[in-house]
């Protein structure tokens, strides 16, 4: 059979250097290098990313996206985006749009190579007819329960269906009537005729087509039978001229079936290669479970910043560069393992540290009046935007008599070695002055500290004293007169258990939801420069973490910031300890 969509592959390969790729070696890279060396596919590298449009993409899909598109890019090849839309009961156009937005956000593009399995429905049907004519497929009347019973077990062979020996003519007639909608759902399926005693259960006469009288988001009501994934997958790869069909490890046992269909049909044969999927601590990556979280209102939607979806990560402030770095670091293996989420957060911090400008924000404000500071004076203090990038320069931060500091930066009765503000204790205000607490104002009813009275040293402007005295504590602040009010959402892991998929007896993954995964703080006070904060721009709130404007709920008149990640880097500490 003639290969589709391969005419530009060789030209594309010649445009780029196909020398060993820059990334670290792994077995799939090695396979491709060997195939190029032996000219196995005429010097072509053509991969595909085949999502099912039944949900939003998550961090596990990001690994596959980076692998498929990345390898094609490294070796001067092509990568298709192909939707596996063979199950219309679960598929929605919303998911298609979200998938494309996510792939582009990660930095990849399929150009004109966007395909759907439904593009090939007519061809797939004819291939099924071809198998029937070769005596390799038959229509079976067993119920779904009976098919499962006849299938056997890992230790017992299956039994032949009583309909297995129907004639070619009868099978062709029944299959045509299935297509015409003459039979009820579940009453008949088309099955491959392979071997009911095969050690691999996938080879025990698997279903090829089933009756589903539902509307398809692309083909409408043209079809009432739909191909199974195992049948459509390999044939779609063949039609598109894919060279390396890269799948996750759960498809390893399906590879003999992939090969069987292509061999029986005698069409172009790509190579299926399996790798271990991503498993992340404190996270579930099952679409079924993620959909349950959305439908039951456990989260605000697929793009909730606590979700492991790419839409959720994007809204929370993750960068595509950090995710691509993470995908490269964890590598590609043949054995399943769980990656510590601390590594993902480390990659994020490393990226944000370079690109995020520093600003000051007070999340739990406590008012401080500097009694010896002039009432009407406003000074502009020079503040460094990003010490990692001198090109970002400096900004002016207004300073006045009344400021906000964090409540946690004051203790009326400080513990030993406490270096922040306390009665009679001096502290440095970042970029500003030394101040000393002289009085504490409390609420008469609750006894809560509501205001501090302090004095400042005019000679310490910029945070340094000319007499050379040293102050151990430095705290951030915001001028009350110039503060920008905002709501800040602090996010933690959605699950409190490191492996929420490991369900104890009588429990489900929902029992491990973290009740403190979201904390919303009202009346936060931000420095004046954040009045022009924009969606998509990362900021480091000094001493507090990395934050971004929420892309959905925030408004110019009502700022909402999401904490992307805290400053503490567990993974970096682990790495340092290992090196030491």
Protein backbone atom coordinates (compact mmCIF):
# COMPACT_ATOMS: atom_id res chain seq x y z
CA UNK A 1 0.00 0.00 0.00
CA UNK A 2 1.23 3.52 -0.79
CA UNK A 3 2.34 5.51 2.25
CA UNK A 4 0.54 8.77 2.91
CA UNK A 5 2.14 12.06 4.01
CA UNK A 6 5.76 10.95 3.56
CA UNK A 7 6.69 12.84 0.41
CA UNK A 8 8.51 15.63 2.27
CA UNK A 9 10.24 13.41 4.82
CA UNK A 10 13.51 12.93 2.90
CA UNK A 11 13.72 16.61 1.96
CA UNK A 12 13.14 17.53 5.59
CA UNK A 13 15.81 15.09 6.75
CA UNK A 14 18.34 16.67 4.40
CA UNK A 15 17.69 20.14 5.78
CA UNK A 16 19.03 19.28 9.23
CA UNK A 17 22.08 17.61 10.67
CA UNK A 18 21.26 14.06 11.71
CA UNK A 19 24.39 13.64 13.83
CA UNK A 20 23.86 12.34 17.39
CA UNK A 21 21.30 14.48 19.18
CA UNK A 22 22.28 16.84 21.97
CA UNK A 23 20.16 15.16 24.64
CA UNK A 24 21.41 12.41 26.96
CA UNK A 25 21.38 8.90 25.47
CA UNK A 26 18.45 6.55 26.01
CA UNK A 27 17.29 3.42 24.27
CA UNK A 28 14.84 5.12 21.89
CA UNK A 29 17.46 7.61 20.73
CA UNK A 30 19.81 4.68 20.23
CA UNK A 31 17.21 2.82 18.13
CA UNK A 32 16.67 5.84 15.91
CA UNK A 33 20.40 6.40 15.46
CA UNK A 34 20.85 2.77 14.45
CA UNK A 35 17.91 2.97 12.03
CA UNK A 36 19.41 6.06 10.42
CA UNK A 37 22.77 4.33 10.16
CA UNK A 38 21.23 1.32 8.40
CA UNK A 39 18.84 3.45 6.33
CA UNK A 40 15.95 1.34 7.64
CA UNK A 41 13.26 3.84 6.68
CA UNK A 42 15.11 5.53 3.87
CA UNK A 43 16.70 7.99 6.27
CA UNK A 44 13.33 9.15 7.61
CA UNK A 45 12.25 9.82 11.21
CA UNK A 46 8.50 10.30 11.52
CA UNK A 47 6.75 10.10 14.89
CA UNK A 48 3.28 10.98 16.12
CA UNK A 49 1.57 12.13 19.29
CA UNK A 50 -1.82 10.36 19.46
CA UNK A 51 -4.03 11.76 22.25
CA UNK A 52 -7.59 10.63 22.83
CA UNK A 53 -9.81 13.75 23.06
CA UNK A 54 -11.59 12.58 26.21
CA UNK A 55 -9.93 14.92 28.71
CA UNK A 56 -7.22 17.51 29.19
CA UNK A 57 -3.56 16.63 28.82
CA UNK A 58 -1.54 16.15 32.00
CA UNK A 59 2.14 16.14 32.95
CA UNK A 60 2.46 12.51 31.82
CA UNK A 61 1.37 13.52 28.33
CA UNK A 62 3.99 16.29 28.44
CA UNK A 63 6.68 13.63 28.66
CA UNK A 64 5.26 11.93 25.55
CA UNK A 65 4.88 15.23 23.70
CA UNK A 66 8.47 16.23 24.43
CA UNK A 67 9.68 12.77 23.41
CA UNK A 68 7.77 12.47 20.13
CA UNK A 69 8.10 16.04 18.92
CA UNK A 70 11.57 16.40 20.42
CA UNK A 71 13.03 13.32 18.74
CA UNK A 72 11.58 14.33 15.38
CA UNK A 73 13.11 17.78 15.80
CA UNK A 74 16.50 16.44 16.90
CA UNK A 75 16.82 14.09 13.95
CA UNK A 76 15.41 16.41 11.30
CA UNK A 77 12.17 14.48 11.00
CA UNK A 78 8.44 15.09 11.35
CA UNK A 79 5.84 14.56 14.06
CA UNK A 80 2.11 14.31 13.50
CA UNK A 81 -0.66 15.27 15.88
CA UNK A 82 -3.29 12.57 15.52
CA UNK A 83 -6.45 12.31 17.57
CA UNK A 84 -7.62 8.84 18.54
CA UNK A 85 -11.31 9.69 18.18
CA UNK A 86 -12.65 6.13 17.96
CA UNK A 87 -14.87 6.34 21.06
CA UNK A 88 -17.34 9.21 20.52
CA UNK A 89 -19.17 8.59 23.81
CA UNK A 90 -16.30 10.24 25.73
CA UNK A 91 -14.94 12.77 23.23
CA UNK A 92 -15.59 16.51 23.04
CA UNK A 93 -14.43 19.39 20.85
CA UNK A 94 -13.43 21.22 24.05
CA UNK A 95 -10.76 18.59 24.63
CA UNK A 96 -9.48 18.87 21.06
CA UNK A 97 -9.01 22.64 21.45
CA UNK A 98 -7.35 22.21 24.84
CA UNK A 99 -4.91 19.60 23.51
CA UNK A 100 -3.77 21.86 20.69
CA UNK A 101 -3.31 24.81 23.06
CA UNK A 102 -1.20 22.64 25.37
CA UNK A 103 1.05 21.25 22.64
CA UNK A 104 1.69 24.74 21.29
CA UNK A 105 2.32 26.09 24.80
CA UNK A 106 5.02 23.46 25.29
CA UNK A 107 6.70 24.89 22.20
CA UNK A 108 5.85 22.33 19.52
CA UNK A 109 3.89 22.49 16.28
CA UNK A 110 2.55 19.90 13.86
CA UNK A 111 2.37 22.34 10.89
CA UNK A 112 -0.11 20.83 8.43
CA UNK A 113 0.05 17.37 9.96
CA UNK A 114 -3.05 17.28 12.12
CA UNK A 115 -5.00 14.07 11.62
CA UNK A 116 -7.82 12.11 13.20
CA UNK A 117 -8.43 8.38 13.30
CA UNK A 118 -11.86 9.33 11.95
CA UNK A 119 -10.12 10.58 8.78
CA UNK A 120 -9.51 6.91 8.05
CA UNK A 121 -12.88 5.40 8.97
CA UNK A 122 -13.67 4.47 5.38
CA UNK A 123 -10.23 2.89 4.91
CA UNK A 124 -10.42 1.10 8.26
CA UNK A 125 -13.77 -0.37 7.29
CA UNK A 126 -12.33 -1.67 4.02
CA UNK A 127 -9.36 -3.16 5.87
CA UNK A 128 -11.79 -4.96 8.17
CA UNK A 129 -13.61 -6.31 5.09
CA UNK A 130 -10.26 -7.44 3.74
CA UNK A 131 -9.58 -9.43 6.93
CA UNK A 132 -13.01 -11.06 6.66
CA UNK A 133 -12.33 -12.05 3.08
CA UNK A 134 -9.01 -13.59 4.14
CA UNK A 135 -10.81 -15.62 6.81
CA UNK A 136 -9.06 -13.60 9.55
CA UNK A 137 -12.13 -11.92 11.09
CA UNK A 138 -15.67 -12.92 11.98
CA UNK A 139 -18.86 -11.45 13.42
CA UNK A 140 -19.55 -12.77 16.92
CA UNK A 141 -22.95 -12.80 18.64
CA UNK A 142 -21.67 -13.50 22.14
CA UNK A 143 -22.61 -10.95 24.78
CA UNK A 144 -19.80 -8.88 26.33
CA UNK A 145 -20.02 -11.02 29.49
CA UNK A 146 -19.81 -14.23 27.48
CA UNK A 147 -16.83 -12.93 25.50
CA UNK A 148 -15.00 -12.26 28.77
CA UNK A 149 -15.89 -15.75 30.04
CA UNK A 150 -14.78 -17.42 26.80
CA UNK A 151 -11.52 -15.50 26.84
CA UNK A 152 -10.00 -17.62 29.59
CA UNK A 153 -7.34 -16.54 32.07
CA UNK A 154 -3.59 -16.20 32.28
CA UNK A 155 -3.39 -19.86 33.29
CA UNK A 156 -6.30 -21.28 31.27
CA UNK A 157 -6.77 -21.05 27.50
CA UNK A 158 -9.89 -19.48 26.08
CA UNK A 159 -12.68 -21.23 24.20
CA UNK A 160 -13.62 -20.66 20.59
CA UNK A 161 -16.78 -18.68 20.02
CA UNK A 162 -19.58 -20.81 18.54
CA UNK A 163 -19.72 -18.17 15.74
CA UNK A 164 -16.03 -18.42 14.90
CA UNK A 165 -16.51 -20.65 11.88
CA UNK A 166 -19.10 -18.62 10.05
CA UNK A 167 -18.49 -18.43 6.32
CA UNK A 168 -16.85 -15.44 4.71
CA UNK A 169 -20.12 -14.62 2.94
CA UNK A 170 -22.15 -14.67 6.16
CA UNK A 171 -19.58 -12.52 7.96
CA UNK A 172 -19.52 -9.96 5.14
CA UNK A 173 -23.31 -9.78 5.19
CA UNK A 174 -23.48 -9.41 8.99
CA UNK A 175 -20.73 -6.81 9.04
CA UNK A 176 -22.50 -4.76 6.38
CA UNK A 177 -25.70 -4.98 8.41
CA UNK A 178 -23.79 -3.87 11.51
CA UNK A 179 -22.71 -0.80 9.56
CA UNK A 180 -26.29 -0.21 8.41
CA UNK A 181 -27.48 -0.05 12.02
CA UNK A 182 -29.52 -3.25 11.92
CA UNK A 183 -28.27 -4.54 15.27
CA UNK A 184 -28.47 -3.23 18.81
CA UNK A 185 -25.42 -2.09 20.76
CA UNK A 186 -23.65 -4.98 22.43
CA UNK A 187 -25.40 -7.59 20.30
CA UNK A 188 -22.56 -8.22 17.84
CA UNK A 189 -18.89 -7.37 17.37
CA UNK A 190 -16.36 -8.05 14.64
CA UNK A 191 -13.44 -10.05 16.04
CA UNK A 192 -10.04 -10.96 14.67
CA UNK A 193 -9.54 -14.72 14.24
CA UNK A 194 -6.16 -15.41 15.81
CA UNK A 195 -5.73 -17.96 18.62
CA UNK A 196 -7.93 -18.48 21.67
CA UNK A 197 -5.10 -20.42 23.35
CA UNK A 198 -2.46 -17.73 22.86
CA UNK A 199 -0.42 -16.98 26.02
CA UNK A 200 -0.98 -13.26 25.34
CA UNK A 201 -4.63 -12.54 26.12
CA UNK A 202 -4.65 -9.67 23.63
CA UNK A 203 -4.27 -12.22 20.84
CA UNK A 204 -7.36 -14.24 21.83
CA UNK A 205 -9.64 -13.08 19.05
CA UNK A 206 -9.83 -9.41 20.08
CA UNK A 207 -12.69 -7.18 18.99
CA UNK A 208 -12.08 -5.03 15.93
CA UNK A 209 -15.41 -3.20 15.63
CA UNK A 210 -18.33 -2.64 17.99
CA UNK A 211 -21.79 -1.14 17.53
CA UNK A 212 -22.16 2.36 19.04
CA UNK A 213 -25.19 4.34 17.93
CA UNK A 214 -23.89 7.72 19.02
CA UNK A 215 -23.13 11.01 17.31
CA UNK A 216 -19.48 11.62 16.44
CA UNK A 217 -18.08 15.14 16.83
CA UNK A 218 -16.57 14.98 13.31
CA UNK A 219 -18.42 12.37 11.27
CA UNK A 220 -21.85 13.08 12.71
CA UNK A 221 -24.23 10.14 12.29
CA UNK A 222 -22.50 8.55 9.30
CA UNK A 223 -21.23 5.65 11.38
CA UNK A 224 -22.85 3.47 14.02
CA UNK A 225 -19.89 1.09 14.25
CA UNK A 226 -16.49 2.23 15.45
CA UNK A 227 -13.07 0.56 15.31
CA UNK A 228 -11.23 -0.47 18.44
CA UNK A 229 -8.04 1.39 19.29
CA UNK A 230 -5.77 -1.61 18.72
CA UNK A 231 -7.10 -1.93 15.18
CA UNK A 232 -7.09 1.77 14.30
CA UNK A 233 -3.75 2.59 15.90
CA UNK A 234 -1.36 0.58 13.76
CA UNK A 235 -3.25 1.14 10.53
CA UNK A 236 -3.32 4.90 11.12
CA UNK A 237 0.44 4.77 11.73
CA UNK A 238 0.84 2.88 8.46
CA UNK A 239 -1.30 5.30 6.45
CA UNK A 240 0.70 8.26 7.76
CA UNK A 241 4.07 6.65 7.10
CA UNK A 242 5.14 6.72 10.75
CA UNK A 243 8.58 5.20 11.32
CA UNK A 244 8.72 4.98 15.12
CA UNK A 245 5.40 4.54 16.91
CA UNK A 246 6.32 5.43 20.48
CA UNK A 247 3.87 4.24 23.16
CA UNK A 248 3.81 3.90 26.92
CA UNK A 249 4.67 0.59 28.53
CA UNK A 250 1.11 -0.68 28.97
CA UNK A 251 0.98 -1.20 25.19
CA UNK A 252 3.92 -3.62 25.20
CA UNK A 253 1.58 -6.61 25.39
CA UNK A 254 -0.43 -5.11 22.53
CA UNK A 255 2.55 -4.95 20.17
CA UNK A 256 2.04 -8.51 18.82
CA UNK A 257 -1.49 -7.48 17.86
CA UNK A 258 -0.20 -4.25 16.29
CA UNK A 259 2.20 -6.34 14.21
CA UNK A 260 -0.42 -9.00 13.39
CA UNK A 261 -2.88 -6.55 11.83
CA UNK A 262 -0.21 -4.95 9.66
CA UNK A 263 1.23 -8.29 8.60
CA UNK A 264 -2.15 -9.78 7.72
CA UNK A 265 -3.10 -6.70 5.71
CA UNK A 266 0.34 -6.65 4.07
CA UNK A 267 0.76 -2.90 4.40
CA UNK A 268 3.64 -0.63 5.41
CA UNK A 269 4.87 -1.59 8.87
CA UNK A 270 6.12 1.02 11.40
CA UNK A 271 7.99 -0.04 14.54
CA UNK A 272 6.17 0.21 17.87
CA UNK A 273 8.47 1.09 20.79
CA UNK A 274 7.32 1.26 24.42
CA UNK A 275 8.68 3.36 27.27
CA UNK A 276 7.73 3.76 30.92
CA UNK A 277 5.04 6.33 31.56
CA UNK A 278 5.53 9.11 34.08
CA UNK A 279 4.35 8.50 37.64
CA UNK A 280 4.61 11.49 39.96
CA UNK A 281 4.44 11.52 43.76
CA UNK A 282 1.41 13.13 45.44
CA UNK A 283 -0.38 13.00 42.09
CA UNK A 284 -2.93 10.96 40.16
CA UNK A 285 -2.57 10.86 36.38
CA UNK A 286 -5.52 8.64 35.53
CA UNK A 287 -7.91 10.52 33.23
CA UNK A 288 -10.78 8.68 34.87
CA UNK A 289 -9.77 9.93 38.30
CA UNK A 290 -9.07 13.44 37.08
CA UNK A 291 -12.48 13.54 35.40
CA UNK A 292 -14.05 12.39 38.66
CA UNK A 293 -12.37 15.25 40.53
CA UNK A 294 -13.82 17.71 38.02
CA UNK A 295 -17.33 16.26 37.85
CA UNK A 296 -17.67 15.99 41.63
CA UNK A 297 -16.51 19.57 42.13
CA UNK A 298 -13.44 18.57 44.13
CA UNK A 299 -11.56 21.09 42.00
CA UNK A 300 -12.76 24.13 40.06
CA UNK A 301 -12.15 22.50 36.67
CA UNK A 302 -9.57 20.86 34.45
CA UNK A 303 -7.46 24.02 34.74
CA UNK A 304 -7.56 24.22 38.52
CA UNK A 305 -3.98 25.14 39.52
CA UNK A 306 -3.84 22.08 41.79
CA UNK A 307 -4.52 19.72 38.90
CA UNK A 308 -1.59 17.98 37.15
CA UNK A 309 -3.01 19.04 33.78
CA UNK A 310 -0.95 21.28 31.54
CA UNK A 311 -3.80 23.80 31.67
CA UNK A 312 -3.59 23.72 35.47
CA UNK A 313 0.19 24.07 35.47
CA UNK A 314 -0.03 26.97 33.01
CA UNK A 315 -2.61 28.79 35.14
CA UNK A 316 -0.50 28.21 38.24
CA UNK A 317 2.49 29.85 36.57
CA UNK A 318 4.62 26.93 35.42
CA UNK A 319 6.75 27.61 32.37
CA UNK A 320 6.99 25.32 29.34
CA UNK A 321 10.78 25.54 29.59
CA UNK A 322 10.70 24.06 33.10
CA UNK A 323 8.48 21.18 32.02
CA UNK A 324 10.66 20.42 28.99
CA UNK A 325 13.75 20.44 31.22
CA UNK A 326 12.00 18.11 33.66
CA UNK A 327 11.06 15.73 30.84
CA UNK A 328 14.68 15.65 29.67
CA UNK A 329 16.12 15.10 33.16
CA UNK A 330 13.86 12.17 34.08
CA UNK A 331 14.82 10.50 30.82
CA UNK A 332 13.26 7.53 29.08
CA UNK A 333 13.30 4.07 30.61
CA UNK A 334 11.72 0.63 30.19
CA UNK A 335 10.83 0.21 33.85
CA UNK A 336 8.06 2.01 35.75
CA UNK A 337 9.09 4.22 38.63
CA UNK A 338 7.75 7.15 40.64
CA UNK A 339 9.41 10.54 40.22
CA UNK A 340 9.50 12.83 43.24
CA UNK A 341 7.46 15.96 42.56
CA UNK A 342 10.27 17.88 44.26
CA UNK A 343 12.33 17.38 41.09
CA UNK A 344 9.63 19.04 38.97
CA UNK A 345 9.48 21.95 41.43
CA UNK A 346 13.28 22.20 41.36
CA UNK A 347 13.25 22.53 37.56
CA UNK A 348 10.59 25.21 37.89
CA UNK A 349 12.53 27.21 40.48
CA UNK A 350 15.69 27.02 38.40
CA UNK A 351 13.82 28.50 35.44
CA UNK A 352 11.82 31.12 37.37
CA UNK A 353 14.89 32.25 39.28
CA UNK A 354 16.35 33.46 35.98
CA UNK A 355 13.26 35.08 34.52
CA UNK A 356 11.14 36.35 37.46
CA UNK A 357 11.63 39.92 38.66
CA UNK A 358 11.71 40.41 42.42
CA UNK A 359 8.98 42.43 44.08
CA UNK A 360 7.71 42.92 47.63
CA UNK A 361 4.31 41.75 48.81
CA UNK A 362 2.83 41.45 52.29
CA UNK A 363 0.35 38.60 52.53
CA UNK A 364 -0.69 38.98 56.18
CA UNK A 365 -0.27 42.70 56.82
CA UNK A 366 0.61 44.33 60.12
CA UNK A 367 0.69 48.15 60.15
CA UNK A 368 3.86 49.89 61.26
CA UNK A 369 4.00 53.64 61.98
CA UNK A 370 7.50 55.14 61.93
CA UNK A 371 7.02 57.91 64.40
CA UNK A 372 10.13 59.99 63.67
CA UNK A 373 9.65 59.85 59.88
CA UNK A 374 8.22 63.07 58.33
CA UNK A 375 4.44 62.86 57.86
CA UNK A 376 4.28 63.95 54.20
CA UNK A 377 7.59 62.64 52.95
CA UNK A 378 7.63 59.95 50.25
CA UNK A 379 10.99 58.60 49.14
CA UNK A 380 11.72 56.34 46.21
CA UNK A 381 14.05 53.52 47.07
CA UNK A 382 16.18 51.77 44.45
CA UNK A 383 15.31 48.07 44.26
CA UNK A 384 17.03 45.43 42.12
CA UNK A 385 14.65 43.71 39.72
CA UNK A 386 16.57 40.50 39.27
CA UNK A 387 20.05 39.81 40.66
CA UNK A 388 20.34 36.90 38.18
CA UNK A 389 19.86 39.26 35.24
CA UNK A 390 21.53 42.67 35.63
CA UNK A 391 19.97 43.75 32.34
CA UNK A 392 16.62 43.99 34.12
CA UNK A 393 17.98 47.00 36.01
CA UNK A 394 16.30 48.62 38.99
CA UNK A 395 12.91 50.01 39.90
CA UNK A 396 11.72 52.71 42.30
CA UNK A 397 9.75 51.58 45.36
CA UNK A 398 7.90 54.30 47.32
CA UNK A 399 8.56 54.53 51.07
CA UNK A 400 6.48 56.53 53.56
CA UNK A 401 5.75 56.98 57.26
CA UNK A 402 3.28 54.09 57.48
CA UNK A 403 4.14 50.68 56.05
CA UNK A 404 2.93 47.09 56.17
CA UNK A 405 5.09 44.20 57.26
CA UNK A 406 4.25 40.51 57.61
CA UNK A 407 2.65 39.53 60.90
CA UNK A 408 5.11 36.65 61.11
CA UNK A 409 7.98 39.15 61.07
CA UNK A 410 7.09 40.40 64.56
CA UNK A 411 7.14 38.63 67.91
CA UNK A 412 6.23 40.37 71.11
CA UNK A 413 8.10 37.71 73.03
CA UNK A 414 10.70 36.48 70.57
CA UNK A 415 12.31 33.07 70.93
CA UNK A 416 16.04 32.72 71.14
CA UNK A 417 17.94 33.58 67.95
CA UNK A 418 14.92 35.43 66.56
CA UNK A 419 16.35 38.11 64.26
CA UNK A 420 13.24 39.84 63.01
CA UNK A 421 11.24 42.65 64.63
CA UNK A 422 10.53 42.62 68.37
CA UNK A 423 10.18 45.25 71.11
CA UNK A 424 13.48 47.13 71.40
CA UNK A 425 14.99 45.10 68.54
CA UNK A 426 16.38 46.60 65.35
CA UNK A 427 15.77 45.17 61.89
CA UNK A 428 16.61 46.16 58.32
CA UNK A 429 13.82 47.06 55.92
CA UNK A 430 14.79 45.74 52.50
CA UNK A 431 16.22 48.61 50.37
CA UNK A 432 15.12 51.19 52.96
CA UNK A 433 16.17 51.84 56.58
CA UNK A 434 16.91 50.27 59.94
CA UNK A 435 13.90 50.48 62.25
CA UNK A 436 13.46 49.70 65.94
CA UNK A 437 10.15 48.72 67.58
CA UNK A 438 9.22 51.10 70.42
CA UNK A 439 5.58 50.29 71.13
CA UNK A 440 2.92 47.66 70.49
CA UNK A 441 -0.76 48.50 69.93
CA UNK A 442 -3.30 45.77 70.65
CA UNK A 443 -7.00 45.28 70.10
CA UNK A 444 -8.72 45.95 73.43
CA UNK A 445 -11.10 43.03 73.10
CA UNK A 446 -8.99 40.27 71.51
CA UNK A 447 -5.55 41.33 72.64
CA UNK A 448 -4.30 40.85 69.08
CA UNK A 449 -1.41 43.01 67.93
CA UNK A 450 -2.85 45.43 65.35
CA UNK A 451 -0.13 48.08 65.01
CA UNK A 452 3.50 48.74 65.82
CA UNK A 453 5.22 52.01 66.57
CA UNK A 454 8.83 52.26 65.49
CA UNK A 455 11.66 54.72 64.93
CA UNK A 456 14.09 54.76 62.04
CA UNK A 457 17.73 55.69 61.61
CA UNK A 458 17.88 58.34 58.83
CA UNK A 459 21.55 57.54 58.27
CA UNK A 460 20.77 53.94 57.28
CA UNK A 461 19.09 54.75 53.95
CA UNK A 462 19.42 51.87 51.54
CA UNK A 463 19.63 49.44 54.45
CA UNK A 464 23.19 50.17 55.52
CA UNK A 465 24.47 52.16 58.51
CA UNK A 466 27.50 54.43 58.10
CA UNK A 467 28.83 53.41 61.51
CA UNK A 468 29.21 49.88 60.23
CA UNK A 469 26.86 48.25 62.72
CA UNK A 470 25.30 45.04 61.52
CA UNK A 471 21.70 43.95 61.75
CA UNK A 472 21.03 40.26 61.22
CA UNK A 473 17.37 40.49 60.26
CA UNK A 474 16.05 41.83 56.94
CA UNK A 475 12.32 41.95 56.25
CA UNK A 476 10.18 43.12 53.34
CA UNK A 477 7.54 45.82 53.50
CA UNK A 478 5.03 47.85 51.46
CA UNK A 479 4.09 51.51 51.82
CA UNK A 480 0.48 51.76 53.03
CA UNK A 481 -0.17 54.86 50.95
CA UNK A 482 0.94 53.15 47.73
CA UNK A 483 -0.06 49.54 48.35
CA UNK A 484 -2.01 47.53 45.77
CA UNK A 485 -4.66 45.32 47.43
CA UNK A 486 -4.95 41.76 46.15
CA UNK A 487 -6.15 38.26 46.91
CA UNK A 488 -3.45 35.62 47.00
CA UNK A 489 -4.03 31.90 46.63
CA UNK A 490 -1.51 29.59 48.23
CA UNK A 491 -1.46 26.11 46.71
CA UNK A 492 -0.12 22.88 48.13
CA UNK A 493 -0.23 19.32 46.80
CA UNK A 494 -3.74 18.13 46.00
CA UNK A 495 -3.11 14.86 47.86
CA UNK A 496 -1.60 14.33 51.30
CA UNK A 497 -0.35 10.82 50.52
CA UNK A 498 2.76 10.37 48.40
CA UNK A 499 1.03 7.64 46.38
CA UNK A 500 -2.72 8.32 46.33
CA UNK A 501 -3.12 5.49 43.81
CA UNK A 502 -2.12 3.03 46.55
CA UNK A 503 -5.61 2.70 48.02
CA UNK A 504 -5.86 1.05 51.41
CA UNK A 505 -8.72 -1.32 52.16
CA UNK A 506 -12.04 0.49 52.27
CA UNK A 507 -10.59 3.72 50.87
CA UNK A 508 -10.32 5.43 47.49
CA UNK A 509 -7.91 8.04 46.22
CA UNK A 510 -10.46 10.68 47.25
CA UNK A 511 -9.79 9.86 50.90
CA UNK A 512 -6.27 11.22 50.47
CA UNK A 513 -7.29 14.67 49.25
CA UNK A 514 -5.35 17.36 51.08
CA UNK A 515 -7.81 19.67 52.92
CA UNK A 516 -5.13 22.37 52.94
CA UNK A 517 -4.34 22.24 49.23
CA UNK A 518 -5.75 25.77 48.78
CA UNK A 519 -5.57 28.71 51.15
CA UNK A 520 -7.01 32.01 49.94
CA UNK A 521 -5.72 35.17 51.62
CA UNK A 522 -7.74 38.37 51.32
CA UNK A 523 -6.46 41.92 51.89
CA UNK A 524 -2.88 41.20 50.84
CA UNK A 525 -0.84 44.32 50.10
CA UNK A 526 1.55 44.50 47.17
CA UNK A 527 4.14 47.08 46.14
CA UNK A 528 3.03 49.79 43.72
CA UNK A 529 4.75 48.34 40.63
CA UNK A 530 2.33 45.39 40.67
CA UNK A 531 -0.56 47.66 39.75
CA UNK A 532 0.52 46.90 36.17
CA UNK A 533 1.05 43.16 36.66
CA UNK A 534 0.11 41.10 33.62
CA UNK A 535 -1.09 37.55 33.09
CA UNK A 536 1.73 35.26 32.06
CA UNK A 537 4.49 37.27 33.76
CA UNK A 538 6.17 35.51 36.72
CA UNK A 539 7.16 37.38 39.85
CA UNK A 540 9.17 36.43 42.88
CA UNK A 541 7.56 37.84 46.01
CA UNK A 542 10.72 38.26 48.06
CA UNK A 543 11.02 35.67 50.83
CA UNK A 544 7.62 34.16 49.90
CA UNK A 545 7.90 32.34 46.59
CA UNK A 546 7.02 32.70 42.93
CA UNK A 547 3.63 34.08 41.95
CA UNK A 548 1.59 34.99 38.88
CA UNK A 549 -1.66 36.74 38.06
CA UNK A 550 -4.52 34.24 37.80
CA UNK A 551 -5.50 34.05 34.13
CA UNK A 552 -9.17 33.26 34.79
CA UNK A 553 -10.43 35.04 37.91
CA UNK A 554 -8.17 38.08 38.21
CA UNK A 555 -9.38 41.51 37.08
CA UNK A 556 -7.57 44.88 36.93
CA UNK A 557 -9.79 46.12 39.74
CA UNK A 558 -9.50 42.91 41.74
CA UNK A 559 -6.08 41.29 41.46
CA UNK A 560 -5.79 37.60 42.23
CA UNK A 561 -2.32 36.05 42.38
CA UNK A 562 -1.49 32.35 42.46
CA UNK A 563 1.57 31.04 44.21
CA UNK A 564 3.37 28.97 41.62
CA UNK A 565 5.87 27.41 43.98
CA UNK A 566 7.50 28.27 47.31
CA UNK A 567 11.17 29.21 47.59
CA UNK A 568 12.27 26.16 49.56
CA UNK A 569 13.90 23.63 47.24
CA UNK A 570 13.85 20.13 48.70
CA UNK A 571 15.41 18.54 45.63
CA UNK A 572 18.35 20.93 45.57
CA UNK A 573 19.06 20.09 49.23
CA UNK A 574 18.90 16.37 48.47
CA UNK A 575 21.32 16.81 45.56
CA UNK A 576 23.73 18.86 47.66
CA UNK A 577 23.70 16.30 50.48
CA UNK A 578 24.36 13.53 47.95
CA UNK A 579 27.30 15.43 46.47
CA UNK A 580 28.73 16.20 49.93
